[in-house]
Amino acid sequence: GKEVVREALGEGFGAPAPTTQISQTSAPVLQPPKAKTSSNLSYLDYLDSDQVSQVNDLVDMVGTKGIRAAIAQAKNADAFVLDAFHDALVDKLHTELKERGII
C-alpha cells in the first residue's frame, strides 16, 4: 500500500500531479526536534524547528490549495524539507486512502 502511494507521489514531484485534496488534521505531521538519544535516528531527527514548521505548512497546504500548489512550493525548499514533505505525504495519504477504503 505505502509503496504505491510513494511511487505515485514520486511521479508527482517530477511531473504534473492530479489535484488531490486530503483532509486537514489539527495535529502537525512532524513534531519539533527532541534530544537525540536513540541510536535509531533518521534524517527527520535532524530537521530544525523551522524545517519542521515548513513541512507542516506544506502538508496543510495540500488540504487547502491542493497537492500541485504544495509540491510547487516544496520544490523551492531545501532538500531536507522536500524529502521530509514527500515522506510525510506518503504516510498521511496512505492513512487517508485506507480510511476511505480506497486501498
Protein backbone atom coordinates (compact mmCIF):
# COMPACT_ATOMS: atom_id res chain seq x y z
CA GLY A 1 0.00 0.00 0.00
CA LYS A 2 2.54 2.62 1.04
CA GLU A 3 4.81 1.73 -1.87
CA VAL A 4 2.03 2.52 -4.36
CA VAL A 5 1.42 5.87 -2.68
CA ARG A 6 5.18 6.55 -2.57
CA GLU A 7 5.51 5.83 -6.31
CA ALA A 8 2.50 7.99 -7.19
CA LEU A 9 3.80 10.91 -5.17
CA GLY A 10 7.32 10.40 -6.51
CA GLU A 11 5.98 10.85 -10.01
CA GLY A 12 4.18 13.98 -8.87
CA PHE A 13 7.37 15.54 -7.61
CA GLY A 14 8.83 15.27 -11.10
CA ALA A 15 5.70 15.62 -13.25
CA PRO A 16 2.27 17.23 -13.07
CA ALA A 17 0.18 15.65 -10.33
CA PRO A 18 -3.58 15.32 -10.19
CA THR A 19 -5.40 17.74 -7.94
CA THR A 20 -5.96 15.72 -4.81
CA GLN A 21 -7.21 17.08 -1.54
CA ILE A 22 -6.74 15.23 1.70
CA SER A 23 -8.44 16.08 4.93
CA GLN A 24 -6.96 18.59 7.32
CA THR A 25 -5.82 17.45 10.73
CA SER A 26 -5.30 19.69 13.71
CA ALA A 27 -2.14 17.87 14.78
CA PRO A 28 1.11 18.62 12.95
CA VAL A 29 2.56 15.78 10.90
CA LEU A 30 6.07 16.30 12.24
CA GLN A 31 7.00 17.33 15.75
CA PRO A 32 9.80 19.75 16.67
CA PRO A 33 13.19 18.13 17.18
CA LYS A 34 13.87 16.45 20.52
CA ALA A 35 17.05 15.41 22.25
CA LYS A 36 18.87 12.88 20.12
CA THR A 37 19.35 9.90 22.43
CA SER A 38 18.32 6.95 20.27
CA SER A 39 20.63 5.00 18.03
CA ASN A 40 17.75 4.69 15.52
CA LEU A 41 17.87 8.25 14.24
CA SER A 42 16.57 9.14 10.82
CA TYR A 43 17.26 12.26 8.80
CA LEU A 44 13.95 13.63 10.16
CA ASP A 45 15.58 13.85 13.59
CA TYR A 46 18.00 16.42 12.16
CA LEU A 47 15.36 18.87 10.93
CA ASP A 48 15.36 22.07 12.91
CA SER A 49 12.16 23.70 14.20
CA ASP A 50 11.91 25.96 11.16
CA GLN A 51 12.16 23.00 8.78
CA VAL A 52 9.54 21.07 10.78
CA SER A 53 7.25 24.09 10.54
CA GLN A 54 7.83 24.32 6.77
CA VAL A 55 6.90 20.65 6.29
CA ASN A 56 3.75 21.00 8.39
CA ASP A 57 2.78 24.14 6.45
CA LEU A 58 3.25 22.28 3.16
CA VAL A 59 1.10 19.37 4.36
CA ASP A 60 -1.59 21.86 5.45
CA MET A 61 -1.37 23.49 2.00
CA VAL A 62 -2.31 20.17 0.38
CA GLY A 63 -5.63 20.33 2.19
CA THR A 64 -6.32 23.96 1.33
CA LYS A 65 -4.73 24.66 -2.06
CA GLY A 66 -4.17 21.16 -3.42
CA ILE A 67 -1.19 18.95 -3.97
CA ARG A 68 0.09 20.79 -7.06
CA ALA A 69 0.47 24.06 -5.15
CA ALA A 70 2.15 22.31 -2.23
CA ILE A 71 4.60 20.46 -4.48
CA ALA A 72 5.42 23.67 -6.37
CA GLN A 73 6.15 25.40 -3.05
CA ALA A 74 8.15 22.41 -1.76
CA LYS A 75 10.42 22.50 -4.80
CA ASN A 76 11.66 25.89 -3.56
CA ALA A 77 12.61 24.47 -0.15
CA ASP A 78 15.88 22.87 0.85
CA ALA A 79 16.45 19.17 0.19
CA PHE A 80 15.70 18.10 3.77
CA VAL A 81 12.32 19.85 3.71
CA LEU A 82 11.46 18.49 0.27
CA ASP A 83 12.31 14.92 1.28
CA ALA A 84 10.52 15.20 4.63
CA PHE A 85 7.44 16.62 2.89
CA HIS A 86 7.42 13.71 0.45
CA ASP A 87 7.73 11.19 3.30
CA ALA A 88 5.02 12.93 5.34
CA LEU A 89 2.68 12.88 2.35
CA VAL A 90 3.29 9.20 1.75
CA ASP A 91 2.38 8.40 5.36
CA LYS A 92 -0.57 10.81 5.55
CA LEU A 93 -2.01 9.98 2.14
CA HIS A 94 -1.65 6.25 2.72
CA THR A 95 -3.57 6.58 6.01
CA GLU A 96 -6.22 8.74 4.34
CA LEU A 97 -6.71 6.27 1.48
CA LYS A 98 -7.04 3.38 3.94
CA GLU A 99 -9.61 5.30 6.00
CA ARG A 100 -11.65 5.94 2.88
CA GLY A 101 -11.47 2.26 1.91
CA ILE A 102 -9.68 3.03 -1.35
CA ILE A 103 -6.76 0.72 -0.52
